[in-house]
Every structure is written in C-alpha cells, then in structure tokens.
Amino acid sequence: MTLWAVVLATAGVLLSGGAAQAQQSTRASTAVAADQPAPEHVVWYEVFVRSFQDSDADGIGDLRGLTGRLDYLSDLGIGGIWLMPIYPSPSYHGYDVTDLTAVNPDYGTLADLEDLLDAAHARGMRVILDFVPNHTSDRHPWFQAALAGEPLYRDFYVWSDDPPDWRGALGGPAWHSAGGSHYLGLFAPSMPDLNHRNERVVEEVLGAAAFWLGLGVDGFRLDAIQHLVESPDGLIANAPENYAWVERFQRFVHEVAPDAVVMGETQTDMPAIVRYHRDAGLHMSLDYPLWRYLKAAIQGRSATDLAFALEQETSLYPEGAARATFTGNHDVTRLASQLSIPRRDERRVRLAASLLLTLPGTPFIYYGEELGMPDGPGTLDVEKRTPMRWQPGRGVGFSTATPWTDPGPDLPGVSVSEQAAEQGSVLEHYRTLIGLRNEHPALHRGDTRVLASGASALLALERTAGTETLYVLANLGARDLETRALPAGAYTDLVSGAAFAGVVPGLSVLVLRPDQNHR
C-alpha cells in the first residue's frame, strides 16, 4: 500500500498520508460571508443524514435530501449544521470508518457534499463534520493489512501479546484477540484503536482533516476526544498525552483554516473539560455537565443545582471558551421520551427549549427536538436516530419507500406539516425562541450573572452585552411564583410581548427587557 503526500501551502507543512480513495475537488466551494455571526454565537442543528430526508426513494436519507431541506433549517433560524459521520462504513451509525476521506455511497458523492456546502453557505450556515480519529473499522484497509502482518500498518494500531487488565470505554473488555495477539478496541472489537504514538498515524489524521477543510467544510466535532491516547498505566481517558494531541490538532486546523470550528465530544467532568480549553486551546466543548444539571432541573422541578452549575462554569472556564449546550443528541434518550411518562408533557418540552435557548452557551438542537419528537420503539441506540417526521402517515414524509428503520407508531401532532400550521406548537415555540436569541446580543454572546431568586424552583439570570441588559426568569415548578430578584422598575416579556406583572407562571421562561423610561 503506497503513501501519498499532501502539500498544504496555507499551513506551510508537508504531510504524508494513506492512499486516499476520494477524488480531489474540481472547484472551489463557497464560504460563509465574513459578516456572519461567529460560530459560537449561532444556533446549531445536529443531523443524522441517514434519517433526515431520502431524495432517491431507497429508504435511506442522503446529502441531496438534506440540501433540499435547507430552507426549513434557514426558516428555523439555524446558523450551523453538524453532520454525524458521512464516511464509508459497514454500520448504520458510521462511527466505524473504512475511509476518512470519502463519502458513504448510501449518502451520495463528494460532489453532493460540495453542493450541500455551497447551498448552506449561501444561506449563512456553516457545516461541520463528525470526525473520528480514535479508531477505524476493523474492515479498514489499514487494519486488514495489519492482520495480514504488514509491519507498517501493524504499528497503526495498539497490540499486546500479554494485554493488561483494562476495561473499555463502555465497560466491556478493552482488548480483543486476533492473529495470535490482542489489539486495543476501547469501544468494540469492530472499532480497533489507532496508535497515536505513531507519527504516521497522526499525519494521516491531520491530512484527512486538511482534505475536508480544503473542500470547504467549516470544522469538526471530534469524536471520543478524551480517549485518543492512553497512558501506559491504563488511564484511558484524559491522559496527559491526550491534551497534547488535541492542542496539536487544534493548532493545525487553525493554521489551515483560521476560522474553523473544533468541538470536542467531552463526555467527562468539568475540571477535565476546562483543561482542554486552558491547556489544549480547544475551541468548543460539548457541555455534558450542564446537560446533566439541566435535565435534572427539568425532571426535579428545582433550579438550585442548575444555578450552582452556571456559577461554577462562569468561574472555572477560561475566557473565550465556547460551550456547546444541548438537551439531547444521538447518544442519549430524547428528552421528549423521558417526559412522556405517564403521558406526553409538552409544557416541559417547551420549558426545555426555552432554557436551552436563553442560557449561556452555544445551543445545539438534535434533529426532531424542535417537534418534541421521541425515540423510536425499543431501547437500542438506533431508536434515538429514527427518521425525521415531516408529515403524518406511512414513511413520515422522509421517504416514499420503506424507511431504513421503523419510525415507530403514528404520533398525532408530531410532524413538521402539522406543527407548522398549529399556533402555539413546539415548532413555533422553537422558532420564536431561536429568533429571539439571534436578535439579542445579550442572549447569544452576553455575560451571565446568577441572581438570588427567592424560590428553589425559580432560576433568575442577568444577561448583558454592551448596552443591552436582559433578565431571564425560569420557573421550573408547576405553580406561579413571585420574585424580587429584579431591580425596581417596569419590564416587558420579549417572548409574549406583555408587561411583566411580578409573577412568573409555572413551567415557563420569561425574557425581560427593562423599560428604559422607568429606570
């Protein structure tokens, strides 16, 4: 298997990389206009391409289908799109990659991706790719060559004839037998870990990143960021060498594309995440700690711990650290499912949306959340990734063929076509809150101060940017609450347009603007 060279004039470096199967782009992709808001100041949307929109009636979502739905995302107010893995892969989810510089044929071609980038950029939307540097598929040509005994590719992976007693990232065995030895696969036997102590491996990964940046992609979500390099003593997460790897990757990406987004999948504790920002220069982290507090606050009807978490983040995170906030993603049970016991609780679905879009951070909406879409039938991960519900009925408007996986039973009222025509729908609520956030600097880039609310169920925040000051009052309880958290004066609720009368209705979020005539 030959090696190839990628010359990156913009970065001033020469990298060697593995035999790429993808063809180089034949035309320059457009870019997001320079006057667009910074990536950390917009609302993002996570898309599983396989489940979003099928354009060729094979039951599988594809890039052309997503391109055809960009107006929907634009109307919603979305400023950025995160694509879950679009690479060739033997699995439905795509995290076991067989070629990191190609597009899964199920989803289309490189030209289809380039068309998507052009169309998204024309609408002011960035597009980032899920990037998987920790492991490959066991069907990747590198691993097949390693199994065949080729020394060059054998060293692309981590092997041991006498493996230590390590547990995998998901709790199972970390080592798997093959060819008379054992290889490291922290997530599954089908996902052998790459050896990032091998400089050739690092160069391959950087070369793949440069390929996509050259195509016009706006950055990456780094999968399994804390597991990239393991310590010899068995520390499989957040090892010291791991921070150095992330720092190198971040620096390289910004040499190639200074405005590119690098977001880490930081499923770890807050001090470790802070260190990725402080020591590795990570641009953006997925705020799993806040997600846990936010979910607990909604389910427990108490704002006390959520307020503490917000104060803690303000004091711990370095200035400029972008935090990606969310109420759901492809790895967790959809919030609408958790709030559907014993019955669907749309008031708290709206409450979750209101919190996500008024709290500090950069909101990421998982496709279908804006409808209050639940998981599909069953308990497997695939149920978190069922087809988008565009309309009621068979195929849910996702495909004219049988969808690749069961969307589940018909859910009256849970589709785009139904909610677009319904006043007060979850979709309308998301659109209103996203518009409000996009319009007001205090919400999308403002400083945040937690105020004493006087009630455990009531969260009170002061959000300030420049000359604009807004107050967010979130009542997580079922009964109405009075508050004395605000400075004396008159206020208007920007969500409803009504004057604030001093009472926060149960299960609601108010965004209050001081009446300057009474200040």
Protein backbone atom coordinates (compact mmCIF):
# COMPACT_ATOMS: atom_id res chain seq x y z
CA MET A 1 0.00 0.00 0.00
CA THR A 2 1.70 3.21 -1.14
CA LEU A 3 1.93 6.52 0.70
CA TRP A 4 0.89 9.83 -0.74
CA ALA A 5 1.94 13.38 0.01
CA VAL A 6 -0.39 16.29 0.68
CA VAL A 7 1.19 19.71 0.34
CA LEU A 8 -0.62 22.38 2.35
CA ALA A 9 0.70 25.73 1.21
CA THR A 10 -1.58 27.61 3.56
CA ALA A 11 -0.17 25.78 6.56
CA GLY A 12 3.38 25.63 5.26
CA VAL A 13 3.71 21.92 6.08
CA LEU A 14 4.20 18.64 4.23
CA LEU A 15 2.22 15.63 5.43
CA SER A 16 2.35 12.02 4.29
CA GLY A 17 -0.95 10.22 4.31
CA GLY A 18 -2.54 6.88 3.43
CA ALA A 19 -3.83 6.02 -0.01
CA ALA A 20 -6.93 8.17 -0.26
CA GLN A 21 -9.73 6.73 -2.36
CA ALA A 22 -11.53 10.07 -2.69
CA GLN A 23 -11.11 12.34 -5.68
CA GLN A 24 -9.93 15.88 -5.06
CA SER A 25 -12.46 18.67 -5.54
CA THR A 26 -12.50 20.18 -9.02
CA ARG A 27 -13.90 23.56 -7.98
CA ALA A 28 -13.65 25.90 -5.03
CA SER A 29 -16.50 25.79 -2.56
CA THR A 30 -18.13 28.97 -1.36
CA ALA A 31 -17.61 30.20 2.18
CA VAL A 32 -19.83 31.75 4.81
CA ALA A 33 -19.81 35.53 4.40
CA ALA A 34 -17.38 37.37 6.63
CA ASP A 35 -20.16 39.44 8.20
CA GLN A 36 -21.97 36.36 9.56
CA PRO A 37 -22.03 35.90 13.35
CA ALA A 38 -19.20 33.92 14.93
CA PRO A 39 -19.88 30.17 15.12
CA GLU A 40 -20.26 30.28 18.89
CA HIS A 41 -22.99 32.94 18.57
CA VAL A 42 -25.44 30.99 16.38
CA VAL A 43 -27.83 28.10 16.96
CA TRP A 44 -26.67 24.75 15.56
CA TYR A 45 -28.54 21.69 14.36
CA GLU A 46 -27.27 18.10 14.58
CA VAL A 47 -28.28 15.93 11.62
CA PHE A 48 -28.13 12.18 11.12
CA VAL A 49 -28.11 12.18 7.32
CA ARG A 50 -29.39 8.60 7.10
CA SER A 51 -32.58 9.67 8.89
CA PHE A 52 -33.22 13.20 7.66
CA GLN A 53 -34.52 13.08 4.07
CA ASP A 54 -34.37 10.48 1.32
CA SER A 55 -34.10 12.00 -2.17
CA ASP A 56 -33.81 8.84 -4.31
CA ALA A 57 -36.52 6.56 -2.85
CA ASP A 58 -34.20 3.91 -1.45
CA GLY A 59 -35.38 4.39 2.14
CA ILE A 60 -32.08 5.94 3.23
CA GLY A 61 -31.52 9.64 3.85
CA ASP A 62 -28.83 11.32 1.77
CA LEU A 63 -26.94 14.56 1.19
CA ARG A 64 -29.23 15.70 -1.62
CA GLY A 65 -32.21 15.19 0.65
CA LEU A 66 -30.61 17.37 3.31
CA THR A 67 -29.79 20.04 0.72
CA GLY A 68 -33.44 20.09 -0.29
CA ARG A 69 -34.44 20.77 3.33
CA LEU A 70 -32.04 23.67 3.99
CA ASP A 71 -34.81 26.25 3.62
CA TYR A 72 -36.58 24.60 6.55
CA LEU A 73 -33.45 25.00 8.70
CA SER A 74 -32.93 28.55 7.50
CA ASP A 75 -36.51 29.48 8.36
CA LEU A 76 -36.00 27.93 11.78
CA GLY A 77 -33.08 30.32 12.34
CA ILE A 78 -30.26 27.76 12.27
CA GLY A 79 -26.74 29.11 11.72
CA GLY A 80 -24.72 25.89 11.66
CA ILE A 81 -25.14 22.18 10.89
CA TRP A 82 -23.25 19.28 12.46
CA LEU A 83 -23.31 16.19 10.24
CA MET A 84 -22.92 12.88 12.01
CA PRO A 85 -20.42 10.61 10.19
CA ILE A 86 -20.87 10.58 6.42
CA TYR A 87 -17.89 8.31 5.63
CA PRO A 88 -18.00 4.78 4.19
CA SER A 89 -18.79 2.35 6.99
CA PRO A 90 -20.25 -1.14 7.42
CA SER A 91 -22.62 0.06 10.17
CA TYR A 92 -25.75 2.21 10.16
CA HIS A 93 -24.26 4.77 12.58
CA GLY A 94 -20.99 5.32 10.72
CA TYR A 95 -18.56 5.64 13.62
CA ASP A 96 -16.55 2.63 12.38
CA VAL A 97 -14.98 4.29 9.35
CA THR A 98 -13.35 2.50 6.42
CA ASP A 99 -12.14 5.66 4.62
CA LEU A 100 -11.80 9.03 6.34
CA THR A 101 -11.54 10.96 3.06
CA ALA A 102 -14.60 9.68 1.19
CA VAL A 103 -18.41 9.86 1.34
CA ASN A 104 -20.59 6.86 2.12
CA PRO A 105 -22.22 5.82 -1.20
CA ASP A 106 -25.54 5.49 0.66
CA TYR A 107 -25.37 9.26 1.19
CA GLY A 108 -24.10 10.33 -2.22
CA THR A 109 -20.81 11.65 -3.56
CA LEU A 110 -18.21 14.29 -2.82
CA ALA A 111 -19.94 16.45 -5.42
CA ASP A 112 -23.20 16.11 -3.45
CA LEU A 113 -21.40 17.23 -0.31
CA GLU A 114 -19.90 20.17 -2.14
CA ASP A 115 -23.35 21.17 -3.39
CA LEU A 116 -24.60 20.98 0.19
CA LEU A 117 -21.75 23.19 1.39
CA ASP A 118 -22.44 25.77 -1.33
CA ALA A 119 -26.16 25.82 -0.58
CA ALA A 120 -25.64 26.05 3.18
CA HIS A 121 -23.03 28.79 2.88
CA ALA A 122 -25.32 30.78 0.59
CA ARG A 123 -27.85 30.76 3.44
CA GLY A 124 -25.26 31.82 6.02
CA MET A 125 -24.99 28.36 7.59
CA ARG A 126 -21.72 26.64 8.46
CA VAL A 127 -21.29 22.87 8.14
CA ILE A 128 -19.03 20.77 10.36
CA LEU A 129 -18.29 17.06 10.07
CA ASP A 130 -18.21 14.44 12.79
CA PHE A 131 -14.53 13.43 12.70
CA VAL A 132 -13.48 10.03 14.10
CA PRO A 133 -9.74 9.93 14.90
CA ASN A 134 -9.74 7.45 17.81
CA HIS A 135 -10.39 4.27 15.83
CA THR A 136 -11.25 2.82 12.44
CA SER A 137 -13.46 -0.03 11.35
CA ASP A 138 -11.90 -3.49 11.56
CA ARG A 139 -12.66 -3.59 7.82
CA HIS A 140 -10.47 -0.56 7.10
CA PRO A 141 -7.64 -1.43 4.67
CA TRP A 142 -5.11 -0.40 7.33
CA PHE A 143 -6.41 -2.92 9.84
CA GLN A 144 -6.75 -5.62 7.20
CA ALA A 145 -3.11 -5.00 6.27
CA ALA A 146 -2.18 -5.13 9.95
CA LEU A 147 -3.92 -8.52 10.30
CA ALA A 148 -2.00 -9.70 7.21
CA GLY A 149 1.23 -8.94 9.03
CA GLU A 150 2.40 -5.81 7.20
CA PRO A 151 4.70 -4.12 9.76
CA LEU A 152 3.93 -0.57 8.63
CA TYR A 153 0.21 -0.95 9.26
CA ARG A 154 0.61 -3.26 12.24
CA ASP A 155 2.02 -0.22 14.04
CA PHE A 156 -1.03 1.85 13.08
CA TYR A 157 -2.87 0.06 15.91
CA VAL A 158 -2.16 -0.87 19.53
CA TRP A 159 -1.18 -4.51 20.11
CA SER A 160 -0.16 -6.59 23.11
CA ASP A 161 0.79 -10.25 23.46
CA ASP A 162 0.10 -10.00 27.19
CA PRO A 163 -2.63 -7.35 27.47
CA PRO A 164 -3.11 -5.51 30.77
CA ASP A 165 -6.43 -5.70 32.57
CA TRP A 166 -8.08 -2.62 31.05
CA ARG A 167 -11.80 -2.03 30.76
CA GLY A 168 -13.24 -0.43 27.66
CA ALA A 169 -14.88 2.98 27.38
CA LEU A 170 -18.34 1.37 27.57
CA GLY A 171 -17.46 -1.01 30.37
CA GLY A 172 -16.67 -4.12 28.32
CA PRO A 173 -13.24 -5.62 27.56
CA ALA A 174 -10.69 -3.24 26.09
CA TRP A 175 -8.56 -5.91 24.37
CA HIS A 176 -9.62 -8.33 21.64
CA SER A 177 -7.79 -11.33 20.23
CA ALA A 178 -6.71 -11.61 16.61
CA GLY A 179 -3.88 -13.35 14.79
CA GLY A 180 -2.32 -14.79 17.93
CA SER A 181 -2.17 -11.44 19.71
CA HIS A 182 -4.56 -8.80 21.12
CA TYR A 183 -5.48 -5.34 19.86
CA LEU A 184 -6.97 -2.40 21.74
CA GLY A 185 -10.59 -1.56 20.92
CA LEU A 186 -11.96 0.66 23.65
CA PHE A 187 -15.45 0.83 22.15
CA ALA A 188 -15.92 -2.52 20.41
CA PRO A 189 -13.98 -5.30 18.66
CA SER A 190 -15.17 -3.82 15.36
CA MET A 191 -13.50 -0.49 16.24
CA PRO A 192 -9.74 -1.02 16.73
CA ASP A 193 -7.99 1.97 18.31
CA LEU A 194 -5.42 3.84 16.24
CA ASN A 195 -1.93 4.20 17.68
CA HIS A 196 -1.49 7.96 18.02
CA ARG A 197 2.02 7.48 19.39
CA ASN A 198 2.91 6.62 15.80
CA GLU A 199 3.70 9.85 13.95
CA ARG A 200 2.49 8.38 10.65
CA VAL A 201 -0.96 7.85 12.15
CA VAL A 202 -1.14 11.44 13.37
CA GLU A 203 -0.08 12.67 9.94
CA GLU A 204 -2.78 10.55 8.31
CA VAL A 205 -5.42 12.06 10.57
CA LEU A 206 -4.20 15.61 10.03
CA GLY A 207 -4.09 15.00 6.29
CA ALA A 208 -7.71 13.84 6.32
CA ALA A 209 -8.74 16.95 8.26
CA ALA A 210 -6.90 19.14 5.75
CA PHE A 211 -8.70 17.36 2.89
CA TRP A 212 -12.13 18.28 4.24
CA LEU A 213 -11.13 21.83 5.10
CA GLY A 214 -9.86 22.25 1.56
CA LEU A 215 -13.24 21.07 0.29
CA GLY A 216 -14.95 23.89 2.20
CA VAL A 217 -16.05 22.15 5.41
CA ASP A 218 -16.19 24.63 8.33
CA GLY A 219 -14.67 22.43 11.00
CA PHE A 220 -15.17 19.28 13.01
CA ARG A 221 -16.80 17.67 16.00
CA LEU A 222 -14.04 15.42 17.40
CA ASP A 223 -15.49 12.08 18.42
CA ALA A 224 -14.25 10.38 21.62
CA ILE A 225 -11.82 13.22 22.28
CA GLN A 226 -10.74 12.03 25.73
CA HIS A 227 -9.72 8.52 24.58
CA LEU A 228 -7.27 9.33 21.77
CA VAL A 229 -4.05 8.50 23.63
CA GLU A 230 -3.89 6.10 26.59
CA SER A 231 -1.30 6.21 29.33
CA PRO A 232 0.83 3.07 29.80
CA ASP A 233 -0.61 2.70 33.31
CA GLY A 234 -4.11 2.16 31.91
CA LEU A 235 -5.57 5.67 32.08
CA ILE A 236 -7.88 5.52 29.05
CA ALA A 237 -9.50 8.95 29.43
CA ASN A 238 -7.94 12.40 29.70
CA ALA A 239 -4.36 11.15 29.87
CA PRO A 240 -1.69 13.91 29.76
CA GLU A 241 -0.67 12.85 26.23
CA ASN A 242 -4.26 13.31 25.15
CA TYR A 243 -4.24 17.05 25.87
CA ALA A 244 -1.06 17.43 23.80
CA TRP A 245 -2.72 15.63 20.87
CA VAL A 246 -5.75 17.92 20.99
CA GLU A 247 -3.53 21.00 21.19
CA ARG A 248 -1.65 19.87 18.08
CA PHE A 249 -4.84 19.10 16.16
CA GLN A 250 -6.44 22.43 17.10
CA ARG A 251 -3.30 24.36 16.13
CA PHE A 252 -3.01 22.53 12.81
CA VAL A 253 -6.66 23.10 11.87
CA HIS A 254 -6.38 26.82 12.57
CA GLU A 255 -3.19 27.05 10.51
CA VAL A 256 -5.11 25.59 7.57
CA ALA A 257 -8.42 27.40 8.22
CA PRO A 258 -8.21 30.08 10.95
CA ASP A 259 -11.99 30.34 11.39
CA ALA A 260 -12.71 26.61 11.51
CA VAL A 261 -14.67 25.15 14.41
CA VAL A 262 -13.16 22.38 16.53
CA MET A 263 -15.67 20.96 19.00
CA GLY A 264 -14.71 18.15 21.34
CA GLU A 265 -17.04 15.36 22.42
CA THR A 266 -16.19 15.94 26.06
CA GLN A 267 -18.21 13.29 27.90
CA THR A 268 -16.24 13.90 31.06
CA ASP A 269 -16.19 16.00 34.23
CA MET A 270 -15.96 19.78 34.32
CA PRO A 271 -12.30 20.12 35.51
CA ALA A 272 -11.13 17.88 32.64
CA ILE A 273 -13.15 19.89 30.12
CA VAL A 274 -11.72 23.14 31.49
CA ARG A 275 -8.23 21.75 30.97
CA TYR A 276 -8.99 21.01 27.29
CA HIS A 277 -9.77 24.70 26.87
CA ARG A 278 -6.97 26.03 29.07
CA ASP A 279 -4.08 23.69 28.19
CA ALA A 280 -5.06 22.39 24.73
CA GLY A 281 -6.71 25.55 23.37
CA LEU A 282 -9.88 23.66 22.45
CA HIS A 283 -12.30 25.99 20.67
CA MET A 284 -15.58 24.43 21.79
CA SER A 285 -16.60 21.61 24.14
CA LEU A 286 -19.85 19.71 24.44
CA ASP A 287 -21.20 20.78 27.83
CA TYR A 288 -22.20 17.41 29.26
CA PRO A 289 -22.02 18.65 32.87
CA LEU A 290 -24.60 21.37 32.19
CA TRP A 291 -26.78 18.89 30.27
CA ARG A 292 -26.94 16.67 33.35
CA TYR A 293 -27.89 19.60 35.61
CA LEU A 294 -30.40 20.90 33.07
CA LYS A 295 -32.12 17.54 32.70
CA ALA A 296 -32.22 17.05 36.48
CA ALA A 297 -33.67 20.55 36.95
CA ILE A 298 -36.49 19.89 34.48
CA GLN A 299 -37.29 16.47 35.91
CA GLY A 300 -36.90 17.52 39.56
CA ARG A 301 -38.58 20.94 39.20
CA SER A 302 -35.73 22.63 41.05
CA ALA A 303 -33.30 25.30 39.79
CA THR A 304 -30.91 25.16 42.76
CA ASP A 305 -28.25 22.83 41.30
CA LEU A 306 -28.58 24.33 37.82
CA ALA A 307 -27.88 27.80 39.22
CA PHE A 308 -24.83 26.42 41.03
CA ALA A 309 -23.55 24.80 37.81
CA LEU A 310 -23.89 28.06 35.89
CA GLU A 311 -21.93 29.94 38.57
CA GLN A 312 -19.29 27.21 38.61
CA GLU A 313 -18.82 27.34 34.85
CA THR A 314 -18.51 31.12 34.92
CA SER A 315 -15.70 30.89 37.46
CA LEU A 316 -13.86 27.85 36.03
CA TYR A 317 -13.95 28.11 32.23
CA PRO A 318 -11.29 30.38 30.70
CA GLU A 319 -12.40 33.49 28.85
CA GLY A 320 -13.42 32.72 25.28
CA ALA A 321 -14.11 29.02 25.90
CA ALA A 322 -17.15 28.14 23.80
CA ARG A 323 -19.55 25.67 25.42
CA ALA A 324 -21.97 23.68 23.24
CA THR A 325 -25.21 23.24 25.18
CA PHE A 326 -27.92 20.72 24.36
CA THR A 327 -30.96 18.90 25.70
CA GLY A 328 -30.37 15.81 23.56
CA ASN A 329 -28.14 14.16 20.97
CA HIS A 330 -27.62 10.80 19.26
CA ASP A 331 -26.11 9.22 22.39
CA VAL A 332 -28.87 9.99 24.90
CA THR A 333 -32.56 9.22 25.20
CA ARG A 334 -34.58 12.03 23.68
CA LEU A 335 -35.95 14.35 26.35
CA ALA A 336 -39.45 14.06 24.92
CA SER A 337 -39.33 10.33 25.65
CA GLN A 338 -38.20 10.92 29.21
CA LEU A 339 -41.02 13.44 29.67
CA SER A 340 -43.68 11.15 28.19
CA ILE A 341 -44.21 9.07 31.32
CA PRO A 342 -47.03 8.57 32.13
CA ARG A 343 -48.13 10.93 29.34
CA ARG A 344 -46.59 13.38 26.89
CA ASP A 345 -45.69 16.57 28.78
CA GLU A 346 -45.50 19.29 26.13
CA ARG A 347 -45.27 22.08 28.72
CA ARG A 348 -41.95 20.74 29.95
CA VAL A 349 -40.79 20.06 26.38
CA ARG A 350 -41.31 23.80 25.75
CA LEU A 351 -39.62 24.62 29.06
CA ALA A 352 -36.55 22.64 27.99
CA ALA A 353 -36.43 24.53 24.68
CA SER A 354 -36.77 27.86 26.46
CA LEU A 355 -33.92 27.04 28.84
CA LEU A 356 -31.63 25.79 26.08
CA LEU A 357 -32.13 28.97 24.06
CA THR A 358 -31.83 31.50 26.90
CA LEU A 359 -28.96 30.02 28.94
CA PRO A 360 -25.34 30.94 28.18
CA GLY A 361 -23.51 28.74 25.67
CA THR A 362 -23.95 27.73 22.04
CA PRO A 363 -27.18 25.73 21.58
CA PHE A 364 -27.19 22.53 19.54
CA ILE A 365 -30.59 21.12 18.58
CA TYR A 366 -30.80 17.43 17.73
CA TYR A 367 -32.94 16.90 14.63
CA GLY A 368 -36.61 16.46 15.56
CA GLU A 369 -36.23 18.05 19.00
CA GLU A 370 -38.00 21.10 17.64
CA LEU A 371 -41.09 18.90 17.23
CA GLY A 372 -40.83 17.22 20.62
CA MET A 373 -40.00 14.03 18.71
CA PRO A 374 -39.48 10.98 20.95
CA ASP A 375 -37.26 7.94 20.46
CA GLY A 376 -38.49 5.14 18.29
CA PRO A 377 -39.79 1.80 19.58
CA GLY A 378 -37.31 -0.26 21.57
CA THR A 379 -34.27 0.54 23.71
CA LEU A 380 -31.31 0.30 21.30
CA ASP A 381 -29.26 3.28 20.11
CA VAL A 382 -30.92 3.07 16.71
CA GLU A 383 -34.17 4.21 18.36
CA LYS A 384 -32.51 7.57 19.10
CA ARG A 385 -31.87 8.02 15.36
CA THR A 386 -35.20 7.26 13.67
CA PRO A 387 -36.41 9.15 10.57
CA MET A 388 -37.37 12.82 10.80
CA ARG A 389 -41.15 13.28 10.93
CA TRP A 390 -42.04 15.68 8.12
CA GLN A 391 -45.70 14.68 7.86
CA PRO A 392 -48.08 12.12 9.35
CA GLY A 393 -48.64 8.72 7.79
CA ARG A 394 -46.55 5.94 6.33
CA GLY A 395 -42.97 6.98 5.63
CA VAL A 396 -43.49 10.17 7.74
CA GLY A 397 -42.57 12.28 4.69
CA PHE A 398 -38.98 11.05 4.99
CA SER A 399 -39.16 8.64 2.07
CA THR A 400 -41.60 7.27 -0.49
CA ALA A 401 -40.02 3.86 0.12
CA THR A 402 -39.95 1.85 3.33
CA PRO A 403 -37.62 3.75 5.71
CA TRP A 404 -34.34 2.05 6.61
CA THR A 405 -35.56 1.69 10.21
CA ASP A 406 -39.01 1.74 11.78
CA PRO A 407 -40.06 5.33 12.61
CA GLY A 408 -42.44 3.92 15.21
CA PRO A 409 -46.19 4.34 15.58
CA ASP A 410 -48.06 7.32 14.22
CA LEU A 411 -47.84 10.25 16.63
CA PRO A 412 -50.66 12.73 16.06
CA GLY A 413 -49.34 16.29 16.04
CA VAL A 414 -45.65 15.34 15.96
CA SER A 415 -44.63 16.33 12.43
CA VAL A 416 -43.42 19.45 10.66
CA SER A 417 -46.52 19.79 8.45
CA GLU A 418 -48.89 19.58 11.43
CA GLN A 419 -46.96 21.88 13.74
CA ALA A 420 -46.19 24.48 11.08
CA ALA A 421 -49.93 25.13 10.86
CA GLU A 422 -50.59 24.98 14.61
CA GLN A 423 -50.46 28.12 16.72
CA GLY A 424 -48.52 27.51 19.92
CA SER A 425 -46.89 24.30 18.66
CA VAL A 426 -43.50 23.13 19.89
CA LEU A 427 -42.05 24.01 16.46
CA GLU A 428 -43.44 27.55 16.64
CA HIS A 429 -42.03 27.88 20.16
CA TYR A 430 -38.55 26.86 18.98
CA ARG A 431 -38.73 29.26 16.04
CA THR A 432 -39.76 32.13 18.33
CA LEU A 433 -37.01 31.43 20.87
CA ILE A 434 -34.31 30.97 18.20
CA GLY A 435 -35.35 34.26 16.60
CA LEU A 436 -35.22 35.99 19.97
CA ARG A 437 -31.77 34.59 20.69
CA ASN A 438 -30.43 35.55 17.26
CA GLU A 439 -31.79 39.08 17.61
CA HIS A 440 -30.47 39.95 21.07
CA PRO A 441 -26.70 40.06 21.75
CA ALA A 442 -27.29 39.66 25.48
CA LEU A 443 -28.64 36.16 24.78
CA HIS A 444 -26.17 34.89 22.21
CA ARG A 445 -22.92 36.38 23.48
CA GLY A 446 -23.68 38.16 26.73
CA ASP A 447 -22.13 37.82 30.17
CA THR A 448 -24.25 35.97 32.71
CA ARG A 449 -24.83 36.63 36.40
CA VAL A 450 -26.95 34.34 38.57
CA LEU A 451 -29.35 36.28 40.82
CA ALA A 452 -30.94 35.24 44.10
CA SER A 453 -34.46 34.24 43.08
CA GLY A 454 -36.08 33.60 46.45
CA ALA A 455 -37.52 30.21 45.41
CA SER A 456 -35.88 26.85 44.69
CA ALA A 457 -37.95 26.35 41.55
CA LEU A 458 -37.03 29.74 40.10
CA LEU A 459 -33.86 30.47 38.13
CA ALA A 460 -33.02 34.16 37.74
CA LEU A 461 -30.25 35.37 35.41
CA GLU A 462 -28.94 38.76 34.31
CA ARG A 463 -27.52 38.65 30.79
CA THR A 464 -25.56 41.63 29.48
CA ALA A 465 -23.83 42.53 26.20
CA GLY A 466 -22.68 46.10 25.57
CA THR A 467 -25.53 48.43 26.44
CA GLU A 468 -28.16 45.67 26.40
CA THR A 469 -29.28 44.02 29.64
CA LEU A 470 -31.94 41.31 29.74
CA TYR A 471 -33.26 39.19 32.59
CA VAL A 472 -34.20 35.53 32.27
CA LEU A 473 -36.67 34.11 34.79
CA ALA A 474 -37.32 30.37 34.54
CA ASN A 475 -39.98 28.77 36.72
CA LEU A 476 -39.39 25.01 36.78
CA GLY A 477 -42.29 24.38 39.13
CA ALA A 478 -45.98 23.92 38.40
CA ARG A 479 -47.31 26.86 40.46
CA ASP A 480 -46.92 30.58 39.78
CA LEU A 481 -44.13 32.34 41.66
CA GLU A 482 -43.43 35.95 42.60
CA THR A 483 -39.86 37.19 42.53
CA ARG A 484 -37.87 40.07 43.98
CA ALA A 485 -34.73 39.18 42.06
CA LEU A 486 -35.03 42.13 39.65
CA PRO A 487 -34.04 45.76 40.18
CA ALA A 488 -37.04 48.02 40.72
CA GLY A 489 -38.69 49.14 37.50
CA ALA A 490 -41.00 48.09 34.68
CA TYR A 491 -40.26 45.17 32.35
CA THR A 492 -41.61 43.69 29.12
CA ASP A 493 -41.50 39.95 28.40
CA LEU A 494 -39.97 39.60 24.93
CA VAL A 495 -41.47 36.13 24.48
CA SER A 496 -45.12 37.17 24.90
CA GLY A 497 -44.82 40.94 24.42
CA ALA A 498 -46.71 41.50 27.68
CA ALA A 499 -45.76 43.78 30.55
CA PHE A 500 -44.27 41.86 33.47
CA ALA A 501 -46.55 41.90 36.50
CA GLY A 502 -44.12 40.39 39.00
CA VAL A 503 -45.36 36.79 38.74
CA VAL A 504 -43.66 34.01 36.78
CA PRO A 505 -46.19 31.40 35.56
CA GLY A 506 -45.42 27.75 36.34
CA LEU A 507 -43.28 25.84 33.82
CA SER A 508 -42.32 28.91 31.83
CA VAL A 509 -39.35 31.09 30.91
CA LEU A 510 -39.63 34.87 30.63
CA VAL A 511 -37.06 37.08 28.90
CA LEU A 512 -37.48 40.54 30.37
CA ARG A 513 -36.27 43.81 28.91
CA PRO A 514 -36.18 46.79 31.28
CA ASP A 515 -38.42 49.67 30.25
CA GLN A 516 -35.87 52.44 29.90
CA ASN A 517 -38.49 55.08 30.72
CA HIS A 518 -38.78 53.67 34.23
CA ARG A 519 -35.13 53.00 35.01
